[in-house]
């Protein structure tokens, strides 16, 4: 069973480990089953594709974003643009994300 991730699509994150350490980007896609995120412009992988007859795909080398484990990224606080942990607060039965650094709501 996959746990709930504390980052979502369109969140600004910074990579804290790996070859792209220190770079920031926006989350394009989240894969909660494998605990991976796809960050815009980071962890670029190259795939060699064959041209397909009858389609507009010419083939060649295609670059796209690869997955990054969620433990290797950290959410950027929208107020001061610094990395922060994400806390969960519950008010009136509603679950909301809160910046652990500033205490402000993220949603």
PDB file of N, CA and C in Angstrom:
ATOM      1  N   UNK A   1       0.837  -1.180   0.000  1.00  0.00           N
ATOM      2  CA  UNK A   1       0.000   0.000   0.000  1.00  0.00           C
ATOM      3  C   UNK A   1       0.884   1.247   0.000  1.00  0.00           C
ATOM      4  N   UNK A   2       0.581   2.143  -0.915  1.00  0.00           N
ATOM      5  CA  UNK A   2       1.362   3.365  -1.011  1.00  0.00           C
ATOM      6  C   UNK A   2       0.849   4.399  -0.015  1.00  0.00           C
ATOM      7  N   UNK A   3       1.785   5.066   0.626  1.00  0.00           N
ATOM      8  CA  UNK A   3       1.385   6.099   1.572  1.00  0.00           C
ATOM      9  C   UNK A   3       1.051   7.381   0.813  1.00  0.00           C
ATOM     10  N   UNK A   4       0.336   8.274   1.468  1.00  0.00           N
ATOM     11  CA  UNK A   4       0.008   9.544   0.838  1.00  0.00           C
ATOM     12  C   UNK A   4       1.262  10.411   0.777  1.00  0.00           C
ATOM     13  N   UNK A   5       1.473  10.981  -0.381  1.00  0.00           N
ATOM     14  CA  UNK A   5       2.632  11.847  -0.547  1.00  0.00           C
ATOM     15  C   UNK A   5       2.272  13.268  -0.123  1.00  0.00           C
ATOM     16  N   UNK A   6       3.256  14.013   0.316  1.00  0.00           N
ATOM     17  CA  UNK A   6       3.009  15.365   0.802  1.00  0.00           C
ATOM     18  C   UNK A   6       3.292  16.418  -0.257  1.00  0.00           C
ATOM     19  N   UNK A   7       3.650  15.990  -1.441  1.00  0.00           N
ATOM     20  CA  UNK A   7       3.826  16.914  -2.551  1.00  0.00           C
ATOM     21  C   UNK A   7       2.773  16.601  -3.608  1.00  0.00           C
ATOM     22  N   UNK A   8       2.398  17.607  -4.369  1.00  0.00           N
ATOM     23  CA  UNK A   8       1.366  17.463  -5.387  1.00  0.00           C
ATOM     24  C   UNK A   8       1.835  18.055  -6.702  1.00  0.00           C
ATOM     25  N   UNK A   9       1.055  17.796  -7.746  1.00  0.00           N
ATOM     26  CA  UNK A   9       1.351  18.369  -9.050  1.00  0.00           C
ATOM     27  C   UNK A   9       1.317  19.901  -8.951  1.00  0.00           C
ATOM     28  N   UNK A  10       2.185  20.550  -9.689  1.00  0.00           N
ATOM     29  CA  UNK A  10       2.350  22.010  -9.746  1.00  0.00           C
ATOM     30  C   UNK A  10       3.021  22.605  -8.517  1.00  0.00           C
ATOM     31  N   UNK A  11       3.486  21.802  -7.563  1.00  0.00           N
ATOM     32  CA  UNK A  11       4.278  22.313  -6.443  1.00  0.00           C
ATOM     33  C   UNK A  11       5.688  22.639  -6.926  1.00  0.00           C
ATOM     34  N   UNK A  12       6.286  23.694  -6.364  1.00  0.00           N
ATOM     35  CA  UNK A  12       7.682  24.015  -6.637  1.00  0.00           C
ATOM     36  C   UNK A  12       8.546  23.238  -5.640  1.00  0.00           C
ATOM     37  N   UNK A  13       9.525  22.488  -6.147  1.00  0.00           N
ATOM     38  CA  UNK A  13      10.381  21.685  -5.282  1.00  0.00           C
ATOM     39  C   UNK A  13      11.840  21.938  -5.622  1.00  0.00           C
ATOM     40  N   UNK A  14      12.704  21.573  -4.678  1.00  0.00           N
ATOM     41  CA  UNK A  14      14.150  21.600  -4.887  1.00  0.00           C
ATOM     42  C   UNK A  14      14.652  20.174  -4.694  1.00  0.00           C
ATOM     43  N   UNK A  15      15.600  19.768  -5.528  1.00  0.00           N
ATOM     44  CA  UNK A  15      16.183  18.437  -5.418  1.00  0.00           C
ATOM     45  C   UNK A  15      17.291  18.493  -4.382  1.00  0.00           C
ATOM     46  N   UNK A  16      17.240  17.594  -3.392  1.00  0.00           N
ATOM     47  CA  UNK A  16      18.211  17.635  -2.302  1.00  0.00           C
ATOM     48  C   UNK A  16      19.250  16.530  -2.394  1.00  0.00           C
ATOM     49  N   UNK A  17      19.099  15.626  -3.377  1.00  0.00           N
ATOM     50  CA  UNK A  17      20.059  14.542  -3.511  1.00  0.00           C
ATOM     51  C   UNK A  17      20.082  14.063  -4.953  1.00  0.00           C
ATOM     52  N   UNK A  18      21.240  13.610  -5.405  1.00  0.00           N
ATOM     53  CA  UNK A  18      21.357  13.067  -6.753  1.00  0.00           C
ATOM     54  C   UNK A  18      22.090  14.007  -7.687  1.00  0.00           C
ATOM     55  N   UNK A  19      22.061  13.666  -8.975  1.00  0.00           N
ATOM     56  CA  UNK A  19      22.838  14.421  -9.951  1.00  0.00           C
ATOM     57  C   UNK A  19      22.314  15.831 -10.182  1.00  0.00           C
ATOM     58  N   UNK A  20      21.033  16.073  -9.886  1.00  0.00           N
ATOM     59  CA  UNK A  20      20.442  17.395 -10.067  1.00  0.00           C
ATOM     60  C   UNK A  20      20.291  18.151  -8.748  1.00  0.00           C
ATOM     61  N   UNK A  21      21.086  17.804  -7.752  1.00  0.00           N
ATOM     62  CA  UNK A  21      20.991  18.436  -6.436  1.00  0.00           C
ATOM     63  C   UNK A  21      21.128  19.957  -6.541  1.00  0.00           C
ATOM     64  N   UNK A  22      20.224  20.671  -5.851  1.00  0.00           N
ATOM     65  CA  UNK A  22      20.251  22.119  -5.839  1.00  0.00           C
ATOM     66  C   UNK A  22      19.382  22.775  -6.889  1.00  0.00           C
ATOM     67  N   UNK A  23      18.898  22.017  -7.859  1.00  0.00           N
ATOM     68  CA  UNK A  23      18.056  22.584  -8.907  1.00  0.00           C
ATOM     69  C   UNK A  23      16.599  22.572  -8.465  1.00  0.00           C
ATOM     70  N   UNK A  24      15.860  23.526  -8.987  1.00  0.00           N
ATOM     71  CA  UNK A  24      14.448  23.617  -8.639  1.00  0.00           C
ATOM     72  C   UNK A  24      13.593  23.437  -9.878  1.00  0.00           C
ATOM     73  N   UNK A  25      12.343  23.051  -9.643  1.00  0.00           N
ATOM     74  CA  UNK A  25      11.415  22.875 -10.754  1.00  0.00           C
ATOM     75  C   UNK A  25      10.012  22.614 -10.254  1.00  0.00           C
ATOM     76  N   UNK A  26       9.082  22.537 -11.199  1.00  0.00           N
ATOM     77  CA  UNK A  26       7.676  22.312 -10.900  1.00  0.00           C
ATOM     78  C   UNK A  26       7.347  20.844 -11.138  1.00  0.00           C
ATOM     79  N   UNK A  27       6.566  20.250 -10.257  1.00  0.00           N
ATOM     80  CA  UNK A  27       6.191  18.848 -10.403  1.00  0.00           C
ATOM     81  C   UNK A  27       5.182  18.721 -11.536  1.00  0.00           C
ATOM     82  N   UNK A  28       5.504  17.871 -12.499  1.00  0.00           N
ATOM     83  CA  UNK A  28       4.620  17.634 -13.623  1.00  0.00           C
ATOM     84  C   UNK A  28       3.651  16.490 -13.360  1.00  0.00           C
ATOM     85  N   UNK A  29       4.150  15.454 -12.681  1.00  0.00           N
ATOM     86  CA  UNK A  29       3.363  14.236 -12.492  1.00  0.00           C
ATOM     87  C   UNK A  29       3.807  13.569 -11.200  1.00  0.00           C
ATOM     88  N   UNK A  30       2.877  12.912 -10.521  1.00  0.00           N
ATOM     89  CA  UNK A  30       3.173  12.200  -9.277  1.00  0.00           C
ATOM     90  C   UNK A  30       2.777  10.746  -9.449  1.00  0.00           C
ATOM     91  N   UNK A  31       3.655   9.841  -9.039  1.00  0.00           N
ATOM     92  CA  UNK A  31       3.369   8.403  -9.083  1.00  0.00           C
ATOM     93  C   UNK A  31       3.390   7.884  -7.652  1.00  0.00           C
ATOM     94  N   UNK A  32       2.239   7.916  -6.945  1.00  0.00           N
ATOM     95  CA  UNK A  32       2.245   7.542  -5.529  1.00  0.00           C
ATOM     96  C   UNK A  32       2.526   6.065  -5.286  1.00  0.00           C
ATOM     97  N   UNK A  33       2.205   5.210  -6.238  1.00  0.00           N
ATOM     98  CA  UNK A  33       2.429   3.773  -6.059  1.00  0.00           C
ATOM     99  C   UNK A  33       3.921   3.466  -5.920  1.00  0.00           C
ATOM    100  N   UNK A  34       4.725   4.125  -6.739  1.00  0.00           N
ATOM    101  CA  UNK A  34       6.177   3.914  -6.702  1.00  0.00           C
ATOM    102  C   UNK A  34       6.912   4.998  -5.930  1.00  0.00           C
ATOM    103  N   UNK A  35       6.170   5.957  -5.347  1.00  0.00           N
ATOM    104  CA  UNK A  35       6.736   7.064  -4.584  1.00  0.00           C
ATOM    105  C   UNK A  35       7.735   7.870  -5.404  1.00  0.00           C
ATOM    106  N   UNK A  36       7.326   8.227  -6.619  1.00  0.00           N
ATOM    107  CA  UNK A  36       8.182   8.987  -7.530  1.00  0.00           C
ATOM    108  C   UNK A  36       7.469  10.248  -7.996  1.00  0.00           C
ATOM    109  N   UNK A  37       8.261  11.252  -8.335  1.00  0.00           N
ATOM    110  CA  UNK A  37       7.723  12.474  -8.924  1.00  0.00           C
ATOM    111  C   UNK A  37       8.519  12.791 -10.185  1.00  0.00           C
ATOM    112  N   UNK A  38       7.866  13.476 -11.117  1.00  0.00           N
ATOM    113  CA  UNK A  38       8.503  13.918 -12.351  1.00  0.00           C
ATOM    114  C   UNK A  38       8.574  15.435 -12.284  1.00  0.00           C
ATOM    115  N   UNK A  39       9.792  15.971 -12.301  1.00  0.00           N
ATOM    116  CA  UNK A  39      10.007  17.403 -12.133  1.00  0.00           C
ATOM    117  C   UNK A  39      10.424  17.997 -13.476  1.00  0.00           C
ATOM    118  N   UNK A  40       9.815  19.134 -13.807  1.00  0.00           N
ATOM    119  CA  UNK A  40      10.023  19.789 -15.089  1.00  0.00           C
ATOM    120  C   UNK A  40      11.495  20.167 -15.288  1.00  0.00           C
ATOM    121  N   UNK A  41      12.096  19.631 -16.346  1.00  0.00           N
ATOM    122  CA  UNK A  41      13.462  19.975 -16.708  1.00  0.00           C
ATOM    123  C   UNK A  41      14.552  19.271 -15.918  1.00  0.00           C
ATOM    124  N   UNK A  42      14.207  18.340 -15.029  1.00  0.00           N
ATOM    125  CA  UNK A  42      15.210  17.657 -14.207  1.00  0.00           C
ATOM    126  C   UNK A  42      15.196  16.156 -14.471  1.00  0.00           C
ATOM    127  N   UNK A  43      16.333  15.522 -14.236  1.00  0.00           N
ATOM    128  CA  UNK A  43      16.533  14.093 -14.466  1.00  0.00           C
ATOM    129  C   UNK A  43      16.143  13.728 -15.891  1.00  0.00           C
ATOM    130  N   UNK A  44      16.739  14.427 -16.848  1.00  0.00           N
ATOM    131  CA  UNK A  44      16.424  14.217 -18.257  1.00  0.00           C
ATOM    132  C   UNK A  44      17.017  12.891 -18.723  1.00  0.00           C
ATOM    133  N   UNK A  45      16.177  12.060 -19.352  1.00  0.00           N
ATOM    134  CA  UNK A  45      16.606  10.790 -19.916  1.00  0.00           C
ATOM    135  C   UNK A  45      16.392  10.832 -21.421  1.00  0.00           C
ATOM    136  N   UNK A  46      17.252  10.130 -22.150  1.00  0.00           N
ATOM    137  CA  UNK A  46      17.154  10.099 -23.608  1.00  0.00           C
ATOM    138  C   UNK A  46      16.655   8.723 -24.038  1.00  0.00           C
ATOM    139  N   UNK A  47      15.683   8.731 -24.933  1.00  0.00           N
ATOM    140  CA  UNK A  47      15.133   7.488 -25.453  1.00  0.00           C
ATOM    141  C   UNK A  47      15.246   7.519 -26.973  1.00  0.00           C
ATOM    142  N   UNK A  48      15.784   6.437 -27.542  1.00  0.00           N
ATOM    143  CA  UNK A  48      15.947   6.324 -28.982  1.00  0.00           C
ATOM    144  C   UNK A  48      14.698   5.665 -29.552  1.00  0.00           C
ATOM    145  N   UNK A  49      13.994   6.364 -30.429  1.00  0.00           N
ATOM    146  CA  UNK A  49      12.746   5.838 -30.979  1.00  0.00           C
ATOM    147  C   UNK A  49      12.869   5.639 -32.477  1.00  0.00           C
ATOM    148  N   UNK A  50      12.173   4.618 -32.972  1.00  0.00           N
ATOM    149  CA  UNK A  50      12.137   4.341 -34.401  1.00  0.00           C
ATOM    150  C   UNK A  50      11.035   5.174 -35.041  1.00  0.00           C
ATOM    151  N   UNK A  51      11.243   5.575 -36.287  1.00  0.00           N
ATOM    152  CA  UNK A  51      10.155   6.267 -36.974  1.00  0.00           C
ATOM    153  C   UNK A  51       8.998   5.299 -37.226  1.00  0.00           C
ATOM    154  N   UNK A  52       7.774   5.773 -37.016  1.00  0.00           N
ATOM    155  CA  UNK A  52       6.591   4.941 -37.208  1.00  0.00           C
ATOM    156  C   UNK A  52       5.890   5.356 -38.505  1.00  0.00           C
ATOM    157  N   UNK A  53       5.712   4.394 -39.408  1.00  0.00           N
ATOM    158  CA  UNK A  53       5.010   4.757 -40.649  1.00  0.00           C
ATOM    159  C   UNK A  53       3.542   5.088 -40.366  1.00  0.00           C
ATOM    160  N   UNK A  54       3.044   6.090 -41.071  1.00  0.00           N
ATOM    161  CA  UNK A  54       1.653   6.466 -40.906  1.00  0.00           C
ATOM    162  C   UNK A  54       1.398   7.432 -39.759  1.00  0.00           C
ATOM    163  N   UNK A  55       2.427   7.830 -39.045  1.00  0.00           N
ATOM    164  CA  UNK A  55       2.241   8.811 -37.975  1.00  0.00           C
ATOM    165  C   UNK A  55       3.192   9.987 -38.212  1.00  0.00           C
ATOM    166  N   UNK A  56       3.017  11.010 -37.404  1.00  0.00           N
ATOM    167  CA  UNK A  56       3.859  12.189 -37.570  1.00  0.00           C
ATOM    168  C   UNK A  56       5.169  12.093 -36.795  1.00  0.00           C
ATOM    169  N   UNK A  57       5.375  10.965 -36.094  1.00  0.00           N
ATOM    170  CA  UNK A  57       6.589  10.791 -35.290  1.00  0.00           C
ATOM    171  C   UNK A  57       7.762  10.459 -36.198  1.00  0.00           C
ATOM    172  N   UNK A  58       8.753  11.362 -36.316  1.00  0.00           N
ATOM    173  CA  UNK A  58       9.874  11.085 -37.208  1.00  0.00           C
ATOM    174  C   UNK A  58      10.918  10.143 -36.611  1.00  0.00           C
ATOM    175  N   UNK A  59      10.846   9.890 -35.325  1.00  0.00           N
ATOM    176  CA  UNK A  59      11.864   9.061 -34.691  1.00  0.00           C
ATOM    177  C   UNK A  59      13.051   9.901 -34.268  1.00  0.00           C
ATOM    178  N   UNK A  60      14.084   9.227 -33.773  1.00  0.00           N
ATOM    179  CA  UNK A  60      15.282   9.925 -33.332  1.00  0.00           C
ATOM    180  C   UNK A  60      15.445   9.839 -31.829  1.00  0.00           C
ATOM    181  N   UNK A  61      16.185  10.775 -31.267  1.00  0.00           N
ATOM    182  CA  UNK A  61      16.456  10.789 -29.835  1.00  0.00           C
ATOM    183  C   UNK A  61      15.472  11.749 -29.171  1.00  0.00           C
ATOM    184  N   UNK A  62      14.679  11.216 -28.238  1.00  0.00           N
ATOM    185  CA  UNK A  62      13.674  12.004 -27.544  1.00  0.00           C
ATOM    186  C   UNK A  62      14.106  12.190 -26.101  1.00  0.00           C
ATOM    187  N   UNK A  63      14.124  13.431 -25.643  1.00  0.00           N
ATOM    188  CA  UNK A  63      14.480  13.716 -24.254  1.00  0.00           C
ATOM    189  C   UNK A  63      13.215  13.967 -23.450  1.00  0.00           C
ATOM    190  N   UNK A  64      13.137  13.364 -22.251  1.00  0.00           N
ATOM    191  CA  UNK A  64      11.989  13.595 -21.378  1.00  0.00           C
ATOM    192  C   UNK A  64      12.444  13.506 -19.927  1.00  0.00           C
ATOM    193  N   UNK A  65      11.552  13.923 -19.036  1.00  0.00           N
ATOM    194  CA  UNK A  65      11.869  13.893 -17.608  1.00  0.00           C
ATOM    195  C   UNK A  65      11.737  12.473 -17.078  1.00  0.00           C
ATOM    196  N   UNK A  66      12.693  12.079 -16.254  1.00  0.00           N
ATOM    197  CA  UNK A  66      12.635  10.780 -15.603  1.00  0.00           C
ATOM    198  C   UNK A  66      12.138  10.935 -14.174  1.00  0.00           C
ATOM    199  N   UNK A  67      11.810   9.817 -13.531  1.00  0.00           N
ATOM    200  CA  UNK A  67      11.284   9.887 -12.165  1.00  0.00           C
ATOM    201  C   UNK A  67      12.374  10.160 -11.137  1.00  0.00           C
ATOM    202  N   UNK A  68      11.988  10.854 -10.072  1.00  0.00           N
ATOM    203  CA  UNK A  68      12.860  11.117  -8.925  1.00  0.00           C
ATOM    204  C   UNK A  68      12.116  10.635  -7.692  1.00  0.00           C
ATOM    205  N   UNK A  69      12.798   9.926  -6.805  1.00  0.00           N
ATOM    206  CA  UNK A  69      12.142   9.452  -5.590  1.00  0.00           C
ATOM    207  C   UNK A  69      11.727  10.643  -4.748  1.00  0.00           C
ATOM    208  N   UNK A  70      10.558  10.518  -4.125  1.00  0.00           N
ATOM    209  CA  UNK A  70       9.987  11.644  -3.386  1.00  0.00           C
ATOM    210  C   UNK A  70      10.851  12.057  -2.199  1.00  0.00           C
ATOM    211  N   UNK A  71      11.675  11.162  -1.679  1.00  0.00           N
ATOM    212  CA  UNK A  71      12.543  11.519  -0.559  1.00  0.00           C
ATOM    213  C   UNK A  71      13.707  12.399  -0.994  1.00  0.00           C
ATOM    214  N   UNK A  72      13.927  12.510  -2.301  1.00  0.00           N
ATOM    215  CA  UNK A  72      15.030  13.310  -2.810  1.00  0.00           C
ATOM    216  C   UNK A  72      14.604  14.706  -3.231  1.00  0.00           C
ATOM    217  N   UNK A  73      13.339  15.063  -2.995  1.00  0.00           N
ATOM    218  CA  UNK A  73      12.886  16.414  -3.278  1.00  0.00           C
ATOM    219  C   UNK A  73      12.286  17.021  -2.016  1.00  0.00           C
ATOM    220  N   UNK A  74      12.307  18.354  -1.946  1.00  0.00           N
ATOM    221  CA  UNK A  74      11.765  19.059  -0.804  1.00  0.00           C
ATOM    222  C   UNK A  74      10.961  20.244  -1.311  1.00  0.00           C
ATOM    223  N   UNK A  75       9.804  20.441  -0.716  1.00  0.00           N
ATOM    224  CA  UNK A  75       8.909  21.506  -1.138  1.00  0.00           C
ATOM    225  C   UNK A  75       9.508  22.870  -0.827  1.00  0.00           C
ATOM    226  N   UNK A  76       9.339  23.816  -1.757  1.00  0.00           N
ATOM    227  CA  UNK A  76       9.780  25.190  -1.526  1.00  0.00           C
ATOM    228  C   UNK A  76       8.622  25.971  -0.933  1.00  0.00           C
ATOM    229  N   UNK A  77       8.905  26.668   0.173  1.00  0.00           N
ATOM    230  CA  UNK A  77       7.891  27.493   0.813  1.00  0.00           C
ATOM    231  C   UNK A  77       7.563  28.670  -0.111  1.00  0.00           C
ATOM    232  N   UNK A  78       6.283  28.870  -0.446  1.00  0.00           N
ATOM    233  CA  UNK A  78       5.952  29.948  -1.376  1.00  0.00           C
ATOM    234  C   UNK A  78       6.284  31.346  -0.848  1.00  0.00           C
ATOM    235  N   UNK A  79       6.368  31.521   0.465  1.00  0.00           N
ATOM    236  CA  UNK A  79       6.639  32.848   1.017  1.00  0.00           C
ATOM    237  C   UNK A  79       8.096  33.258   0.877  1.00  0.00           C
ATOM    238  N   UNK A  80       9.014  32.411   1.381  1.00  0.00           N
ATOM    239  CA  UNK A  80      10.417  32.804   1.359  1.00  0.00           C
ATOM    240  C   UNK A  80      11.261  32.010   0.366  1.00  0.00           C
ATOM    241  N   UNK A  81      10.613  31.123  -0.421  1.00  0.00           N
ATOM    242  CA  UNK A  81      11.283  30.348  -1.471  1.00  0.00           C
ATOM    243  C   UNK A  81      12.463  29.528  -0.941  1.00  0.00           C
ATOM    244  N   UNK A  82      12.299  29.000   0.279  1.00  0.00           N
ATOM    245  CA  UNK A  82      13.311  28.134   0.877  1.00  0.00           C
ATOM    246  C   UNK A  82      12.688  26.764   1.136  1.00  0.00           C
ATOM    247  N   UNK A  83      13.512  25.706   1.184  1.00  0.00           N
ATOM    248  CA  UNK A  83      12.951  24.366   1.405  1.00  0.00           C
ATOM    249  C   UNK A  83      12.313  24.236   2.781  1.00  0.00           C
ATOM    250  N   UNK A  84      11.223  23.504   2.833  1.00  0.00           N
ATOM    251  CA  UNK A  84      10.518  23.300   4.087  1.00  0.00           C
ATOM    252  C   UNK A  84       9.920  21.900   4.114  1.00  0.00           C
ATOM    253  N   UNK A  85       9.720  21.403   5.317  1.00  0.00           N
ATOM    254  CA  UNK A  85       8.982  20.165   5.469  1.00  0.00           C
ATOM    255  C   UNK A  85       7.497  20.485   5.410  1.00  0.00           C
ATOM    256  N   UNK A  86       6.703  19.451   5.169  1.00  0.00           N
ATOM    257  CA  UNK A  86       5.259  19.636   5.077  1.00  0.00           C
ATOM    258  C   UNK A  86       4.608  18.948   6.263  1.00  0.00           C
ATOM    259  N   UNK A  87       3.821  19.704   7.017  1.00  0.00           N
ATOM    260  CA  UNK A  87       3.053  19.150   8.132  1.00  0.00           C
ATOM    261  C   UNK A  87       1.598  19.049   7.698  1.00  0.00           C
ATOM    262  N   UNK A  88       0.859  18.169   8.349  1.00  0.00           N
ATOM    263  CA  UNK A  88      -0.554  17.984   8.053  1.00  0.00           C
ATOM    264  C   UNK A  88      -1.346  18.496   9.251  1.00  0.00           C
ATOM    265  N   UNK A  89      -2.314  19.379   8.993  1.00  0.00           N
ATOM    266  CA  UNK A  89      -3.177  19.840  10.072  1.00  0.00           C
ATOM    267  C   UNK A  89      -4.612  19.475   9.722  1.00  0.00           C
ATOM    268  N   UNK A  90      -5.369  19.171  10.750  1.00  0.00           N
ATOM    269  CA  UNK A  90      -6.768  18.819  10.551  1.00  0.00           C
ATOM    270  C   UNK A  90      -7.635  19.808  11.309  1.00  0.00           C
ATOM    271  N   UNK A  91      -8.521  20.471  10.598  1.00  0.00           N
ATOM    272  CA  UNK A  91      -9.470  21.407  11.198  1.00  0.00           C
ATOM    273  C   UNK A  91     -10.856  21.072  10.672  1.00  0.00           C
ATOM    274  N   UNK A  92     -11.783  20.825  11.575  1.00  0.00           N
ATOM    275  CA  UNK A  92     -13.164  20.500  11.219  1.00  0.00           C
ATOM    276  C   UNK A  92     -13.242  19.292  10.279  1.00  0.00           C
ATOM    277  N   UNK A  93     -12.361  18.331  10.496  1.00  0.00           N
ATOM    278  CA  UNK A  93     -12.369  17.127   9.667  1.00  0.00           C
ATOM    279  C   UNK A  93     -11.705  17.293   8.314  1.00  0.00           C
ATOM    280  N   UNK A  94     -11.193  18.477   8.004  1.00  0.00           N
ATOM    281  CA  UNK A  94     -10.520  18.713   6.730  1.00  0.00           C
ATOM    282  C   UNK A  94      -9.020  18.607   6.923  1.00  0.00           C
ATOM    283  N   UNK A  95      -8.373  17.926   6.007  1.00  0.00           N
ATOM    284  CA  UNK A  95      -6.931  17.729   6.046  1.00  0.00           C
ATOM    285  C   UNK A  95      -6.300  18.779   5.146  1.00  0.00           C
ATOM    286  N   UNK A  96      -5.325  19.505   5.665  1.00  0.00           N
ATOM    287  CA  UNK A  96      -4.653  20.505   4.845  1.00  0.00           C
ATOM    288  C   UNK A  96      -3.153  20.463   5.100  1.00  0.00           C
ATOM    289  N   UNK A  97      -2.394  20.871   4.082  1.00  0.00           N
ATOM    290  CA  UNK A  97      -0.940  20.895   4.196  1.00  0.00           C
ATOM    291  C   UNK A  97      -0.495  22.245   4.739  1.00  0.00           C
ATOM    292  N   UNK A  98       0.506  22.190   5.623  1.00  0.00           N
ATOM    293  CA  UNK A  98       1.020  23.394   6.271  1.00  0.00           C
ATOM    294  C   UNK A  98       2.536  23.378   6.178  1.00  0.00           C
ATOM    295  N   UNK A  99       3.115  24.541   5.919  1.00  0.00           N
ATOM    296  CA  UNK A  99       4.579  24.662   5.926  1.00  0.00           C
ATOM    297  C   UNK A  99       5.077  24.523   7.357  1.00  0.00           C
ATOM    298  N   UNK A 100       5.997  23.598   7.585  1.00  0.00           N
ATOM    299  CA  UNK A 100       6.522  23.397   8.928  1.00  0.00           C
ATOM    300  C   UNK A 100       7.425  24.560   9.345  1.00  0.00           C
ATOM    301  N   UNK A 101       7.978  25.276   8.396  1.00  0.00           N
ATOM    302  CA  UNK A 101       8.886  26.382   8.700  1.00  0.00           C
ATOM    303  C   UNK A 101       8.123  27.642   9.119  1.00  0.00           C
ATOM    304  N   UNK A 102       7.098  28.018   8.348  1.00  0.00           N
ATOM    305  CA  UNK A 102       6.374  29.252   8.625  1.00  0.00           C
ATOM    306  C   UNK A 102       5.013  29.036   9.264  1.00  0.00           C
ATOM    307  N   UNK A 103       4.467  27.825   9.149  1.00  0.00           N
ATOM    308  CA  UNK A 103       3.164  27.552   9.722  1.00  0.00           C
ATOM    309  C   UNK A 103       1.997  28.013   8.864  1.00  0.00           C
ATOM    310  N   UNK A 104       2.262  28.487   7.659  1.00  0.00           N
ATOM    311  CA  UNK A 104       1.212  28.963   6.762  1.00  0.00           C
ATOM    312  C   UNK A 104       0.666  27.794   5.922  1.00  0.00           C
ATOM    313  N   UNK A 105      -0.609  27.890   5.576  1.00  0.00           N
ATOM    314  CA  UNK A 105      -1.232  26.868   4.734  1.00  0.00           C
ATOM    315  C   UNK A 105      -0.660  26.908   3.326  1.00  0.00           C
ATOM    316  N   UNK A 106      -0.509  25.735   2.729  1.00  0.00           N
ATOM    317  CA  UNK A 106       0.053  25.638   1.381  1.00  0.00           C
ATOM    318  C   UNK A 106      -1.039  25.528   0.329  1.00  0.00           C
ATOM    319  N   UNK A 107      -2.239  25.125   0.722  1.00  0.00           N
ATOM    320  CA  UNK A 107      -3.303  24.924  -0.261  1.00  0.00           C
ATOM    321  C   UNK A 107      -4.237  26.115  -0.321  1.00  0.00           C
TER     322      UNK A 107
END
